[in-house]
Amino acid sequence: MSTLYKVIRRPLITEKALTTREVEGSLVFEVAADATKTEVKQAVEQLFKVKVATVRTASILGKERKRGRYSGFLPDWKKAYVRLKAGEKVPDFAAEI
């Protein structure tokens, strides 16, 4: 991947992601579909100036959506659960939620 912002698309702010952050100390991001775990780890460490312990990824298949008689599929995407090392401070965007 050429830039950090192509690897990490956006942080996911959902009920499940917030619960995961509180219970496990993990942050959840939408990442590029072809991003590897090492690329995600390096991108998070460089963007937020924190140390990453582990990265777990999940590929999400797009759901079928119907509008009247027309139907189609949402695009497939990838999610990354990033666990910070013990003693690391949660980045500002996630601390205020």
C-alpha atoms as a PDB file:
ATOM      1  CA  MET A   1       0.000   0.000   0.000  1.00  0.00           C
ATOM      2  CA  SER A   2       1.310   3.429  -0.837  1.00  0.00           C
ATOM      3  CA  THR A   3      -0.031   5.564   2.019  1.00  0.00           C
ATOM      4  CA  LEU A   4      -1.302   5.014   5.548  1.00  0.00           C
ATOM      5  CA  TYR A   5      -4.690   6.468   4.699  1.00  0.00           C
ATOM      6  CA  LYS A   6      -5.228   3.868   1.984  1.00  0.00           C
ATOM      7  CA  VAL A   7      -4.655   1.086   4.521  1.00  0.00           C
ATOM      8  CA  ILE A   8      -6.947   2.488   7.238  1.00  0.00           C
ATOM      9  CA  ARG A   9     -10.171   3.801   5.755  1.00  0.00           C
ATOM     10  CA  ARG A  10     -12.031   4.905   8.893  1.00  0.00           C
ATOM     11  CA  PRO A  11     -12.619   3.953  12.517  1.00  0.00           C
ATOM     12  CA  LEU A  12     -15.826   2.055  13.176  1.00  0.00           C
ATOM     13  CA  ILE A  13     -18.024   3.678  15.817  1.00  0.00           C
ATOM     14  CA  THR A  14     -20.747   1.123  16.528  1.00  0.00           C
ATOM     15  CA  GLU A  15     -22.143  -0.389  19.714  1.00  0.00           C
ATOM     16  CA  LYS A  16     -20.161  -3.563  19.133  1.00  0.00           C
ATOM     17  CA  ALA A  17     -16.949  -1.620  18.485  1.00  0.00           C
ATOM     18  CA  LEU A  18     -17.405   0.492  21.624  1.00  0.00           C
ATOM     19  CA  THR A  19     -18.054  -2.617  23.724  1.00  0.00           C
ATOM     20  CA  THR A  20     -14.967  -4.265  22.260  1.00  0.00           C
ATOM     21  CA  ARG A  21     -12.910  -1.193  23.130  1.00  0.00           C
ATOM     22  CA  GLU A  22     -14.116  -1.176  26.746  1.00  0.00           C
ATOM     23  CA  VAL A  23     -13.879  -4.925  27.380  1.00  0.00           C
ATOM     24  CA  GLU A  24     -10.823  -5.959  25.352  1.00  0.00           C
ATOM     25  CA  GLY A  25      -9.029  -2.646  24.864  1.00  0.00           C
ATOM     26  CA  SER A  26      -9.202  -3.068  21.082  1.00  0.00           C
ATOM     27  CA  LEU A  27      -9.896  -0.463  18.422  1.00  0.00           C
ATOM     28  CA  VAL A  28     -11.923  -1.344  15.317  1.00  0.00           C
ATOM     29  CA  PHE A  29     -11.156   0.044  11.853  1.00  0.00           C
ATOM     30  CA  GLU A  30     -12.421  -0.421   8.324  1.00  0.00           C
ATOM     31  CA  VAL A  31      -9.335  -1.233   6.280  1.00  0.00           C
ATOM     32  CA  ALA A  32      -8.511  -1.829   2.634  1.00  0.00           C
ATOM     33  CA  ALA A  33      -9.581  -5.242   1.369  1.00  0.00           C
ATOM     34  CA  ASP A  34      -6.035  -6.184   0.353  1.00  0.00           C
ATOM     35  CA  ALA A  35      -4.317  -4.833   3.504  1.00  0.00           C
ATOM     36  CA  THR A  36      -2.315  -7.330   5.546  1.00  0.00           C
ATOM     37  CA  LYS A  37      -2.058  -7.496   9.330  1.00  0.00           C
ATOM     38  CA  THR A  38       1.477  -6.102   9.315  1.00  0.00           C
ATOM     39  CA  GLU A  39       0.431  -3.152   7.144  1.00  0.00           C
ATOM     40  CA  VAL A  40      -2.461  -2.403   9.505  1.00  0.00           C
ATOM     41  CA  LYS A  41      -0.152  -2.618  12.522  1.00  0.00           C
ATOM     42  CA  GLN A  42       2.415  -0.257  10.986  1.00  0.00           C
ATOM     43  CA  ALA A  43      -0.271   2.204   9.887  1.00  0.00           C
ATOM     44  CA  VAL A  44      -1.898   2.388  13.347  1.00  0.00           C
ATOM     45  CA  GLU A  45       1.475   2.771  15.074  1.00  0.00           C
ATOM     46  CA  GLN A  46       2.525   5.596  12.753  1.00  0.00           C
ATOM     47  CA  LEU A  47      -0.808   7.444  12.664  1.00  0.00           C
ATOM     48  CA  PHE A  48      -1.654   7.346  16.367  1.00  0.00           C
ATOM     49  CA  LYS A  49       1.842   7.021  17.914  1.00  0.00           C
ATOM     50  CA  VAL A  50       0.922   3.926  19.965  1.00  0.00           C
ATOM     51  CA  LYS A  51       2.290   0.379  20.247  1.00  0.00           C
ATOM     52  CA  VAL A  52       0.119  -2.422  18.874  1.00  0.00           C
ATOM     53  CA  ALA A  53       0.046  -5.860  20.496  1.00  0.00           C
ATOM     54  CA  THR A  54      -2.118  -7.842  18.040  1.00  0.00           C
ATOM     55  CA  VAL A  55      -4.229  -7.373  14.934  1.00  0.00           C
ATOM     56  CA  ARG A  56      -7.205  -9.554  13.958  1.00  0.00           C
ATOM     57  CA  THR A  57      -8.971  -9.123  10.626  1.00  0.00           C
ATOM     58  CA  ALA A  58     -12.358 -10.175   9.295  1.00  0.00           C
ATOM     59  CA  SER A  59     -13.626 -10.038   5.715  1.00  0.00           C
ATOM     60  CA  ILE A  60     -17.267  -8.986   5.533  1.00  0.00           C
ATOM     61  CA  LEU A  61     -19.385 -10.030   2.547  1.00  0.00           C
ATOM     62  CA  GLY A  62     -21.691  -7.387   1.088  1.00  0.00           C
ATOM     63  CA  LYS A  63     -25.392  -7.758   1.829  1.00  0.00           C
ATOM     64  CA  GLU A  64     -28.133  -7.869  -0.774  1.00  0.00           C
ATOM     65  CA  ARG A  65     -30.218  -4.700  -0.909  1.00  0.00           C
ATOM     66  CA  LYS A  66     -33.517  -4.281  -2.700  1.00  0.00           C
ATOM     67  CA  ARG A  67     -35.213  -1.079  -3.783  1.00  0.00           C
ATOM     68  CA  GLY A  68     -38.532  -1.842  -5.379  1.00  0.00           C
ATOM     69  CA  ARG A  69     -38.009  -4.372  -8.129  1.00  0.00           C
ATOM     70  CA  TYR A  70     -34.279  -3.629  -8.402  1.00  0.00           C
ATOM     71  CA  SER A  71     -31.745  -5.482  -6.325  1.00  0.00           C
ATOM     72  CA  GLY A  72     -28.018  -5.345  -5.901  1.00  0.00           C
ATOM     73  CA  PHE A  73     -25.225  -6.006  -3.449  1.00  0.00           C
ATOM     74  CA  LEU A  74     -23.244  -3.728  -1.175  1.00  0.00           C
ATOM     75  CA  PRO A  75     -19.490  -4.037  -1.675  1.00  0.00           C
ATOM     76  CA  ASP A  76     -17.370  -6.478   0.334  1.00  0.00           C
ATOM     77  CA  TRP A  77     -15.107  -4.885   2.945  1.00  0.00           C
ATOM     78  CA  LYS A  78     -12.562  -5.728   5.624  1.00  0.00           C
ATOM     79  CA  LYS A  79     -12.524  -4.976   9.340  1.00  0.00           C
ATOM     80  CA  ALA A  80      -9.502  -4.957  11.680  1.00  0.00           C
ATOM     81  CA  TYR A  81      -9.508  -5.340  15.466  1.00  0.00           C
ATOM     82  CA  VAL A  82      -6.346  -3.707  16.816  1.00  0.00           C
ATOM     83  CA  ARG A  83      -5.358  -4.441  20.429  1.00  0.00           C
ATOM     84  CA  LEU A  84      -2.975  -1.951  22.011  1.00  0.00           C
ATOM     85  CA  LYS A  85      -0.154  -3.004  24.321  1.00  0.00           C
ATOM     86  CA  ALA A  86      -0.689  -2.719  28.055  1.00  0.00           C
ATOM     87  CA  GLY A  87      -0.213   0.843  29.310  1.00  0.00           C
ATOM     88  CA  GLU A  88      -0.855   2.485  25.940  1.00  0.00           C
ATOM     89  CA  LYS A  89      -3.257   5.423  25.868  1.00  0.00           C
ATOM     90  CA  VAL A  90      -6.313   5.159  23.603  1.00  0.00           C
ATOM     91  CA  PRO A  91      -6.156   7.731  20.747  1.00  0.00           C
ATOM     92  CA  ASP A  92      -8.207  10.904  21.195  1.00  0.00           C
ATOM     93  CA  PHE A  93     -10.884  10.069  18.610  1.00  0.00           C
ATOM     94  CA  ALA A  94     -11.896   6.969  20.578  1.00  0.00           C
ATOM     95  CA  ALA A  95     -11.520   8.353  24.095  1.00  0.00           C
ATOM     96  CA  GLU A  96     -14.268  10.986  23.761  1.00  0.00           C
ATOM     97  CA  ILE A  97     -16.998   8.598  22.643  1.00  0.00           C
END
